[in-house]
């Protein structure tokens, strides 16, 4: 029998202070019964010897200090899981919002999950094909990796993430077009997005049929901050169920982590904690790590969790605490360029500062193609030289460039337009991506291609 408390001592916005409590734990769920019999839910933010601070998941309108009853449920936030989660759309707390029936869960799982034993982790090494050349060709995503997208306000990160969600697949041994696809699913978590953005994502999943293999958790901008903190954990719990109990390969896309961190700062301020860098709580690094480190593979399990967190850098500042700490925890980053976006190039991925630290583990013979590493290195080197020549041409003029420099200048322009640039619905296989790379390299004499083995030059040039 749950105890009921009629001892609400104060209400300040979404915060309720309940005095005279016993045995209440941090993070515990609370149920508040209003005088009219309706219920509101909240979560314990802070506990002292005789009082508990509860933050509501909704507005405090209708609460009465003297007549409202508070019950502490003795558990944290849990997600009811079953295979029926796929193909459904939920709010930030895991309740269906797609008009479908309520789920009948096989079991309930704590949204905080259990940390993966480092000894039990298996090394990420299988290639995931996203269908985007600038990722697959130059910064490959590997099964079990966490690879964030660093974007900025006004850049098309929503379109890029929707495209990845539609097109991503794991190739079986053999790679390329000869490889089939394994059992694959997408868990999508949106935090603090607008109604227009939510409608865009839902429509994209539905019109392409990707919804059938996906579960969507959507927290809107006008939803409570405390719900925003729970949303990515619900999504990751869903991913863990399918990956480690149903042997699926799950890609988790979380957007926008900046909104998540802002919600964390808001809750921290409500608890009157001492702020750290730029007002964010000092435990921001630890908090982000508790989510990012839930990606990976486990020895003896067929499934895997791969993460693509998306964040918008305030003022395009890579040293801001959110991208800075994210970069420490994750295995690389994909950076969207405002300069490429101004040129009308989609997706505007700046391949030079972008990095996939596990790329060497997921490419090559029996994974993508034997020549992948050589093509990657040569394209990167030629584009870097082309960018340098572009800067030189601005100062000296094109007339002052040597014949070799003009070739690199032409290559850099064509590379941005034809290799980086592709349609929003243009899905390129890894074979097609590498073939485009070889076509672009034909502009150079073979002696300039110093990073490619002779056997591949003879085969593809």
Protein backbone atom coordinates (compact mmCIF):
# COMPACT_ATOMS: atom_id res chain seq x y z
CA UNK A 1 0.00 0.00 0.00
CA UNK A 2 1.46 3.33 -1.10
CA UNK A 3 1.52 6.18 1.38
CA UNK A 4 -0.37 9.33 0.46
CA UNK A 5 0.92 12.73 1.55
CA UNK A 6 -1.22 15.83 2.05
CA UNK A 7 1.86 17.83 3.01
CA UNK A 8 2.63 19.95 -0.06
CA UNK A 9 4.32 22.97 1.46
CA UNK A 10 4.97 25.05 -1.66
CA UNK A 11 4.50 25.13 -5.44
CA UNK A 12 6.84 27.11 -7.71
CA UNK A 13 6.16 26.62 -11.42
CA UNK A 14 6.58 22.89 -12.15
CA UNK A 15 8.30 22.28 -8.77
CA UNK A 16 6.48 20.90 -5.72
CA UNK A 17 8.01 20.65 -2.24
CA UNK A 18 6.52 17.82 -0.18
CA UNK A 19 7.42 17.74 3.53
CA UNK A 20 7.24 14.97 6.12
CA UNK A 21 8.19 12.19 3.67
CA UNK A 22 9.87 8.88 4.49
CA UNK A 23 11.89 6.44 2.37
CA UNK A 24 11.74 8.51 -0.85
CA UNK A 25 14.60 8.07 -3.34
CA UNK A 26 16.18 10.37 -5.91
CA UNK A 27 14.70 9.82 -9.39
CA UNK A 28 11.60 8.09 -8.03
CA UNK A 29 8.31 8.66 -9.83
CA UNK A 30 5.53 10.51 -8.02
CA UNK A 31 1.80 10.69 -8.71
CA UNK A 32 -0.14 13.80 -7.72
CA UNK A 33 -3.92 13.52 -7.36
CA UNK A 34 -5.77 16.79 -7.85
CA UNK A 35 -8.97 17.69 -5.93
CA UNK A 36 -11.06 16.78 -9.02
CA UNK A 37 -9.54 13.26 -9.13
CA UNK A 38 -7.27 13.82 -12.16
CA UNK A 39 -3.66 12.71 -11.97
CA UNK A 40 -0.34 14.35 -12.78
CA UNK A 41 3.06 12.66 -12.74
CA UNK A 42 6.45 13.93 -11.69
CA UNK A 43 9.95 12.85 -10.72
CA UNK A 44 11.88 13.40 -7.50
CA UNK A 45 14.66 15.91 -8.14
CA UNK A 46 16.05 16.23 -4.62
CA UNK A 47 15.59 14.50 -1.27
CA UNK A 48 16.45 15.67 2.23
CA UNK A 49 15.67 14.03 5.57
CA UNK A 50 12.08 15.19 5.74
CA UNK A 51 11.19 16.67 2.36
CA UNK A 52 11.26 15.84 -1.35
CA UNK A 53 11.37 18.21 -4.32
CA UNK A 54 9.25 16.91 -7.21
CA UNK A 55 9.31 18.25 -10.77
CA UNK A 56 6.10 17.72 -12.75
CA UNK A 57 6.05 16.34 -16.28
CA UNK A 58 3.32 18.87 -17.08
CA UNK A 59 1.91 22.21 -15.91
CA UNK A 60 1.06 22.74 -12.24
CA UNK A 61 -2.31 24.31 -13.09
CA UNK A 62 -5.11 22.95 -10.88
CA UNK A 63 -2.87 21.93 -7.96
CA UNK A 64 -4.07 22.82 -4.47
CA UNK A 65 -1.51 23.05 -1.65
CA UNK A 66 -4.02 21.81 0.93
CA UNK A 67 -6.13 19.28 -1.00
CA UNK A 68 -3.76 17.65 -3.53
CA UNK A 69 -2.40 14.20 -2.60
CA UNK A 70 1.10 12.94 -3.45
CA UNK A 71 2.03 9.27 -3.81
CA UNK A 72 5.60 8.06 -4.38
CA UNK A 73 5.57 4.96 -6.59
CA UNK A 74 8.82 3.36 -5.41
CA UNK A 75 10.34 3.07 -8.89
CA UNK A 76 11.99 5.19 -11.56
CA UNK A 77 10.89 5.70 -15.14
CA UNK A 78 10.38 2.38 -16.94
CA UNK A 79 9.62 1.47 -20.54
CA UNK A 80 7.30 -1.39 -21.40
CA UNK A 81 9.04 -3.28 -24.22
CA UNK A 82 7.84 -5.71 -26.86
CA UNK A 83 8.42 -6.27 -30.58
CA UNK A 84 5.36 -4.10 -31.23
CA UNK A 85 7.45 -0.99 -30.46
CA UNK A 86 8.62 -1.03 -34.09
CA UNK A 87 6.39 0.95 -36.41
CA UNK A 88 5.06 3.14 -33.60
CA UNK A 89 5.41 6.80 -32.60
CA UNK A 90 5.63 7.80 -28.93
CA UNK A 91 5.89 11.01 -26.94
CA UNK A 92 8.93 11.82 -24.82
CA UNK A 93 7.70 9.60 -21.97
CA UNK A 94 6.90 6.55 -24.10
CA UNK A 95 3.11 6.94 -24.51
CA UNK A 96 1.76 6.26 -28.04
CA UNK A 97 0.76 9.39 -29.98
CA UNK A 98 0.05 7.79 -33.38
CA UNK A 99 -3.57 6.85 -32.71
CA UNK A 100 -2.69 3.16 -32.41
CA UNK A 101 -3.61 0.83 -29.54
CA UNK A 102 -1.82 0.73 -26.21
CA UNK A 103 1.10 -1.69 -26.15
CA UNK A 104 0.99 -4.94 -24.21
CA UNK A 105 4.59 -5.14 -22.96
CA UNK A 106 6.53 -8.37 -22.55
CA UNK A 107 8.33 -6.76 -19.63
CA UNK A 108 9.38 -3.40 -18.16
CA UNK A 109 12.96 -2.08 -18.33
CA UNK A 110 14.55 0.73 -16.30
CA UNK A 111 15.38 3.58 -18.68
CA UNK A 112 18.76 4.19 -17.05
CA UNK A 113 19.98 0.83 -18.33
CA UNK A 114 22.99 -1.12 -17.11
CA UNK A 115 26.54 -0.16 -18.06
CA UNK A 116 28.27 -2.59 -20.44
CA UNK A 117 31.16 -4.39 -18.80
CA UNK A 118 34.28 -3.18 -20.68
CA UNK A 119 35.61 -6.76 -20.78
CA UNK A 120 32.36 -7.92 -22.43
CA UNK A 121 32.54 -5.31 -25.19
CA UNK A 122 33.29 -6.53 -28.71
CA UNK A 123 35.29 -4.28 -31.05
CA UNK A 124 33.22 -2.43 -33.70
CA UNK A 125 34.21 -3.57 -37.18
CA UNK A 126 31.29 -4.08 -39.59
CA UNK A 127 30.55 -1.31 -42.09
CA UNK A 128 27.16 0.47 -42.06
CA UNK A 129 26.13 1.89 -45.43
CA UNK A 130 24.30 5.22 -45.10
CA UNK A 131 24.03 5.86 -48.85
CA UNK A 132 25.80 9.24 -48.41
CA UNK A 133 29.16 9.35 -50.23
CA UNK A 134 30.90 11.84 -47.94
CA UNK A 135 30.20 9.54 -44.98
CA UNK A 136 30.55 6.08 -46.56
CA UNK A 137 33.53 7.01 -48.71
CA UNK A 138 35.62 9.22 -46.41
CA UNK A 139 34.27 8.88 -42.84
CA UNK A 140 32.70 5.42 -42.68
CA UNK A 141 30.28 4.50 -39.91
CA UNK A 142 31.01 1.18 -38.19
CA UNK A 143 28.53 -1.08 -36.38
CA UNK A 144 28.71 -0.32 -32.64
CA UNK A 145 30.29 3.13 -33.13
CA UNK A 146 29.04 6.48 -31.83
CA UNK A 147 29.54 9.14 -34.50
CA UNK A 148 27.95 12.55 -33.84
CA UNK A 149 26.90 15.17 -36.39
CA UNK A 150 28.01 18.71 -35.47
CA UNK A 151 25.71 21.20 -37.14
CA UNK A 152 24.69 24.83 -36.78
CA UNK A 153 21.50 26.83 -36.71
CA UNK A 154 19.89 26.91 -40.16
CA UNK A 155 21.91 24.01 -41.60
CA UNK A 156 20.03 20.99 -43.03
CA UNK A 157 20.87 18.48 -40.28
CA UNK A 158 17.24 17.36 -40.12
CA UNK A 159 17.29 16.40 -43.80
CA UNK A 160 20.64 14.61 -43.39
CA UNK A 161 19.48 12.61 -40.36
CA UNK A 162 16.19 11.70 -42.08
CA UNK A 163 18.16 10.52 -45.12
CA UNK A 164 20.45 8.38 -42.95
CA UNK A 165 17.44 6.90 -41.15
CA UNK A 166 15.81 6.00 -44.49
CA UNK A 167 18.87 4.56 -46.18
CA UNK A 168 21.09 3.02 -43.48
CA UNK A 169 21.71 -0.72 -43.63
CA UNK A 170 24.31 -3.23 -42.45
CA UNK A 171 26.02 -5.17 -45.25
CA UNK A 172 26.86 -8.80 -44.77
CA UNK A 173 30.29 -10.29 -45.47
CA UNK A 174 31.44 -9.48 -48.96
CA UNK A 175 30.37 -5.86 -48.77
CA UNK A 176 29.50 -3.74 -51.75
CA UNK A 177 26.49 -4.50 -53.90
CA UNK A 178 27.07 -8.22 -53.55
CA UNK A 179 26.38 -8.16 -49.81
CA UNK A 180 22.85 -8.58 -48.54
CA UNK A 181 21.28 -6.75 -45.63
CA UNK A 182 20.97 -8.04 -42.06
CA UNK A 183 18.11 -7.51 -39.59
CA UNK A 184 18.25 -3.76 -39.07
CA UNK A 185 16.17 -1.16 -37.24
CA UNK A 186 16.18 2.54 -36.38
CA UNK A 187 15.30 4.14 -33.05
CA UNK A 188 14.77 7.87 -33.43
CA UNK A 189 14.74 10.27 -30.45
CA UNK A 190 13.84 13.93 -31.00
CA UNK A 191 14.26 16.39 -28.14
CA UNK A 192 12.92 19.92 -28.02
CA UNK A 193 12.02 20.08 -31.72
CA UNK A 194 9.19 22.18 -33.16
CA UNK A 195 5.88 20.73 -34.32
CA UNK A 196 6.91 21.46 -37.92
CA UNK A 197 10.15 19.48 -37.51
CA UNK A 198 8.30 16.60 -35.85
CA UNK A 199 5.80 16.50 -38.73
CA UNK A 200 8.71 16.46 -41.22
CA UNK A 201 10.38 13.46 -39.54
CA UNK A 202 7.13 11.50 -39.17
CA UNK A 203 6.21 12.14 -42.82
CA UNK A 204 9.70 11.12 -44.00
CA UNK A 205 9.51 7.83 -42.11
CA UNK A 206 5.99 7.10 -43.35
CA UNK A 207 6.25 7.93 -47.06
CA UNK A 208 9.41 5.86 -47.49
CA UNK A 209 8.16 2.89 -45.46
CA UNK A 210 11.06 3.24 -43.00
CA UNK A 211 8.49 3.52 -40.18
CA UNK A 212 7.99 -0.27 -40.34
CA UNK A 213 11.48 -0.89 -38.97
CA UNK A 214 11.60 2.18 -36.69
CA UNK A 215 10.45 3.41 -33.29
CA UNK A 216 10.09 7.18 -32.85
CA UNK A 217 10.22 9.05 -29.51
CA UNK A 218 9.30 12.70 -29.95
CA UNK A 219 9.58 15.45 -27.33
CA UNK A 220 8.36 18.82 -28.59
CA UNK A 221 9.74 22.25 -27.68
CA UNK A 222 6.73 23.04 -25.47
CA UNK A 223 7.00 19.78 -23.51
CA UNK A 224 8.52 19.88 -20.00
CA UNK A 225 12.31 19.94 -19.57
CA UNK A 226 12.22 16.93 -17.24
CA UNK A 227 10.57 14.88 -20.00
CA UNK A 228 13.32 15.96 -22.41
CA UNK A 229 15.90 14.42 -20.11
CA UNK A 230 14.03 11.09 -20.12
CA UNK A 231 13.46 10.89 -23.91
CA UNK A 232 16.93 9.73 -25.07
CA UNK A 233 17.06 7.19 -22.22
CA UNK A 234 13.73 5.71 -23.30
CA UNK A 235 15.03 5.46 -26.87
CA UNK A 236 18.26 3.77 -25.76
CA UNK A 237 16.33 1.32 -23.58
CA UNK A 238 14.21 0.43 -26.60
CA UNK A 239 17.42 -0.02 -28.64
CA UNK A 240 18.98 -2.28 -25.99
CA UNK A 241 15.91 -4.50 -26.00
CA UNK A 242 16.00 -5.04 -29.77
CA UNK A 243 19.81 -5.27 -30.01
CA UNK A 244 20.67 -7.55 -27.12
CA UNK A 245 17.45 -9.54 -26.74
CA UNK A 246 16.16 -9.70 -30.34
CA UNK A 247 19.56 -9.79 -32.11
CA UNK A 248 18.91 -6.74 -34.30
CA UNK A 249 21.37 -4.11 -35.47
CA UNK A 250 19.95 -0.83 -34.19
CA UNK A 251 20.90 2.66 -35.32
CA UNK A 252 19.94 5.27 -32.68
CA UNK A 253 19.60 8.84 -33.97
CA UNK A 254 19.25 11.48 -31.25
CA UNK A 255 18.48 15.08 -32.19
CA UNK A 256 19.05 17.70 -30.83
CA UNK A 257 21.52 17.06 -28.00
CA UNK A 258 21.88 20.83 -27.53
CA UNK A 259 18.21 20.99 -26.48
CA UNK A 260 18.86 18.08 -24.11
CA UNK A 261 21.80 19.90 -22.47
CA UNK A 262 19.73 23.07 -22.15
CA UNK A 263 17.04 21.07 -20.33
CA UNK A 264 19.70 19.60 -18.05
CA UNK A 265 20.93 23.12 -17.27
CA UNK A 266 17.35 24.24 -16.54
CA UNK A 267 16.79 21.37 -14.09
CA UNK A 268 20.19 21.99 -12.50
CA UNK A 269 19.29 25.64 -11.95
CA UNK A 270 15.96 24.61 -10.41
CA UNK A 271 17.91 22.49 -7.93
CA UNK A 272 20.18 25.50 -7.20
CA UNK A 273 23.34 23.57 -8.09
CA UNK A 274 26.65 25.34 -8.59
CA UNK A 275 27.03 25.90 -12.35
CA UNK A 276 30.07 24.89 -14.40
CA UNK A 277 31.18 26.15 -17.83
CA UNK A 278 28.65 28.56 -19.38
CA UNK A 279 26.10 27.71 -16.71
CA UNK A 280 25.90 23.99 -17.51
CA UNK A 281 26.10 21.59 -14.56
CA UNK A 282 29.53 20.27 -13.66
CA UNK A 283 28.34 16.71 -14.32
CA UNK A 284 27.41 17.39 -17.98
CA UNK A 285 30.31 15.20 -19.18
CA UNK A 286 29.24 12.31 -16.94
CA UNK A 287 25.59 12.68 -17.92
CA UNK A 288 26.37 12.62 -21.66
CA UNK A 289 28.68 9.64 -21.16
CA UNK A 290 25.90 7.63 -19.47
CA UNK A 291 24.01 7.81 -22.80
CA UNK A 292 26.80 7.70 -25.39
CA UNK A 293 28.47 4.70 -23.75
CA UNK A 294 25.30 2.64 -24.17
CA UNK A 295 26.35 2.16 -27.80
CA UNK A 296 28.42 -0.84 -28.75
CA UNK A 297 28.55 -4.60 -29.22
CA UNK A 298 28.66 -7.36 -26.61
CA UNK A 299 30.61 -10.59 -27.03
CA UNK A 300 28.27 -13.51 -27.65
CA UNK A 301 25.41 -11.25 -28.79
CA UNK A 302 24.53 -10.88 -32.48
CA UNK A 303 22.95 -7.43 -32.15
CA UNK A 304 24.56 -4.02 -31.84
CA UNK A 305 23.75 -0.38 -31.05
CA UNK A 306 25.22 2.36 -33.23
CA UNK A 307 24.62 5.99 -32.28
CA UNK A 308 24.40 9.17 -34.33
CA UNK A 309 23.79 12.05 -31.89
CA UNK A 310 23.03 15.35 -33.64
CA UNK A 311 23.80 18.69 -32.02
CA UNK A 312 23.68 22.29 -33.15
CA UNK A 313 26.77 24.21 -32.06
CA UNK A 314 25.78 27.59 -30.56
CA UNK A 315 27.34 30.27 -32.81
CA UNK A 316 29.10 27.44 -34.74
CA UNK A 317 31.55 27.21 -31.83
CA UNK A 318 33.30 23.82 -31.64
CA UNK A 319 34.76 24.76 -28.23
CA UNK A 320 31.29 25.14 -26.70
CA UNK A 321 30.86 22.64 -23.81
CA UNK A 322 28.30 20.47 -25.64
CA UNK A 323 30.31 19.67 -28.82
CA UNK A 324 33.56 19.78 -26.85
CA UNK A 325 32.51 17.13 -24.33
CA UNK A 326 30.69 15.09 -26.98
CA UNK A 327 33.89 14.95 -29.02
CA UNK A 328 35.80 13.58 -26.02
CA UNK A 329 33.35 10.72 -25.51
CA UNK A 330 32.50 9.72 -29.07
CA UNK A 331 34.61 8.21 -31.85
CA UNK A 332 34.85 11.11 -34.28
CA UNK A 333 32.45 13.68 -35.70
CA UNK A 334 30.71 14.65 -38.94
CA UNK A 335 30.80 18.44 -39.34
CA UNK A 336 28.32 20.36 -41.51
CA UNK A 337 29.80 23.40 -43.26
CA UNK A 338 28.00 26.73 -43.57
CA UNK A 339 30.27 27.64 -46.52
CA UNK A 340 29.22 24.55 -48.51
CA UNK A 341 25.59 25.21 -47.60
CA UNK A 342 25.86 28.73 -49.02
CA UNK A 343 27.15 27.22 -52.28
CA UNK A 344 23.97 25.13 -52.49
CA UNK A 345 25.78 21.83 -51.90
CA UNK A 346 23.79 19.11 -50.12
CA UNK A 347 24.71 17.46 -47.81
CA UNK A 348 27.13 20.23 -46.75
CA UNK A 349 29.55 17.86 -45.01
CA UNK A 350 33.03 19.30 -44.55
CA UNK A 351 35.12 16.16 -44.96
CA UNK A 352 38.45 17.67 -43.86
CA UNK A 353 37.68 18.38 -40.17
CA UNK A 354 35.25 15.44 -40.04
CA UNK A 355 36.64 12.21 -38.67
CA UNK A 356 35.63 8.61 -38.05
CA UNK A 357 38.19 7.13 -35.66
CA UNK A 358 37.07 3.57 -36.41
CA UNK A 359 37.03 3.88 -40.21
CA UNK A 360 40.01 1.55 -40.73
CA UNK A 361 38.19 -1.23 -38.86
CA UNK A 362 35.12 -1.22 -41.10
CA UNK A 363 36.53 -0.99 -44.62
CA UNK A 364 38.60 -3.12 -46.98
CA UNK A 365 38.38 -6.59 -48.46
CA UNK A 366 35.32 -8.62 -47.37
CA UNK A 367 33.83 -5.50 -45.75
CA UNK A 368 33.46 -2.83 -48.44
CA UNK A 369 36.04 -3.15 -51.24
CA UNK A 370 39.76 -3.82 -51.30
CA UNK A 371 40.59 -0.41 -52.80
CA UNK A 372 38.50 1.60 -50.30
CA UNK A 373 41.35 2.70 -48.01
CA UNK A 374 43.56 3.81 -50.92
CA UNK A 375 40.74 5.78 -52.59
CA UNK A 376 39.80 7.38 -49.25
CA UNK A 377 43.36 8.54 -48.56
CA UNK A 378 43.94 9.82 -52.10
CA UNK A 379 40.66 11.74 -52.30
CA UNK A 380 41.34 13.30 -48.91
CA UNK A 381 44.87 14.35 -49.88
CA UNK A 382 43.82 15.79 -53.25
CA UNK A 383 40.90 17.71 -51.78
CA UNK A 384 43.09 19.13 -48.98
CA UNK A 385 45.62 20.31 -51.61
CA UNK A 386 42.77 21.74 -53.71
CA UNK A 387 41.45 23.74 -50.76
CA UNK A 388 44.93 25.18 -50.17
CA UNK A 389 45.15 26.16 -53.85
CA UNK A 390 41.74 27.85 -53.61
CA UNK A 391 42.99 30.04 -50.77
CA UNK A 392 46.14 30.81 -52.76
CA UNK A 393 44.09 31.78 -55.84
CA UNK A 394 42.12 34.30 -53.77
CA UNK A 395 45.38 36.07 -52.86
CA UNK A 396 47.41 35.73 -56.07
CA UNK A 397 44.75 35.15 -58.71
CA UNK A 398 44.36 32.03 -60.88
CA UNK A 399 46.87 33.36 -63.46
CA UNK A 400 49.68 32.95 -60.92
CA UNK A 401 48.93 29.25 -60.37
CA UNK A 402 51.00 26.47 -61.91
CA UNK A 403 49.43 23.93 -64.27
CA UNK A 404 49.39 21.30 -61.49
CA UNK A 405 47.72 23.72 -59.08
CA UNK A 406 44.98 24.44 -61.63
CA UNK A 407 44.23 20.73 -61.86
CA UNK A 408 43.87 20.55 -58.08
CA UNK A 409 41.67 23.66 -58.13
CA UNK A 410 39.39 22.09 -60.73
CA UNK A 411 39.33 18.82 -58.78
CA UNK A 412 38.30 20.56 -55.52
CA UNK A 413 35.34 22.24 -57.24
CA UNK A 414 34.19 19.06 -58.99
CA UNK A 415 34.69 17.04 -55.80
CA UNK A 416 32.36 19.33 -53.85
CA UNK A 417 29.73 19.31 -56.59
CA UNK A 418 29.78 15.64 -57.62
CA UNK A 419 31.17 13.61 -54.71
CA UNK A 420 30.05 15.54 -51.63
CA UNK A 421 26.96 16.88 -53.38
CA UNK A 422 24.11 14.43 -53.98
CA UNK A 423 20.34 14.50 -53.92
CA UNK A 424 18.33 14.17 -50.73
CA UNK A 425 16.79 10.97 -52.13
CA UNK A 426 19.92 9.80 -53.96
CA UNK A 427 21.03 6.57 -52.28
CA UNK A 428 24.53 5.55 -53.34
CA UNK A 429 25.91 2.09 -52.68
CA UNK A 430 29.51 1.86 -51.50
CA UNK A 431 30.48 0.52 -54.95
CA UNK A 432 28.94 3.56 -56.64
CA UNK A 433 30.64 5.93 -54.18
CA UNK A 434 34.08 4.42 -54.85
CA UNK A 435 33.46 4.40 -58.62
CA UNK A 436 32.64 8.13 -58.49
CA UNK A 437 35.88 8.64 -56.56
CA UNK A 438 37.89 6.84 -59.25
CA UNK A 439 36.21 8.93 -61.99
CA UNK A 440 37.24 12.11 -60.18
CA UNK A 441 40.85 10.93 -59.77
CA UNK A 442 41.22 10.38 -63.53
CA UNK A 443 41.87 14.13 -63.85
CA UNK A 444 45.37 13.54 -62.41
CA UNK A 445 48.29 11.80 -64.09
CA UNK A 446 48.95 8.40 -62.44
CA UNK A 447 52.24 9.72 -61.01
CA UNK A 448 50.29 12.18 -58.81
CA UNK A 449 48.28 9.38 -57.20
CA UNK A 450 50.95 8.45 -54.69
CA UNK A 451 48.60 6.99 -52.08
CA UNK A 452 47.15 4.27 -54.32
CA UNK A 453 48.81 0.90 -54.97
CA UNK A 454 49.73 0.18 -58.59
CA UNK A 455 47.45 -2.87 -58.77
CA UNK A 456 44.38 -0.71 -58.13
CA UNK A 457 45.53 1.95 -60.63
CA UNK A 458 45.77 -0.72 -63.34
CA UNK A 459 42.35 -2.11 -62.44
CA UNK A 460 40.30 1.07 -62.11
CA UNK A 461 42.05 3.82 -64.14
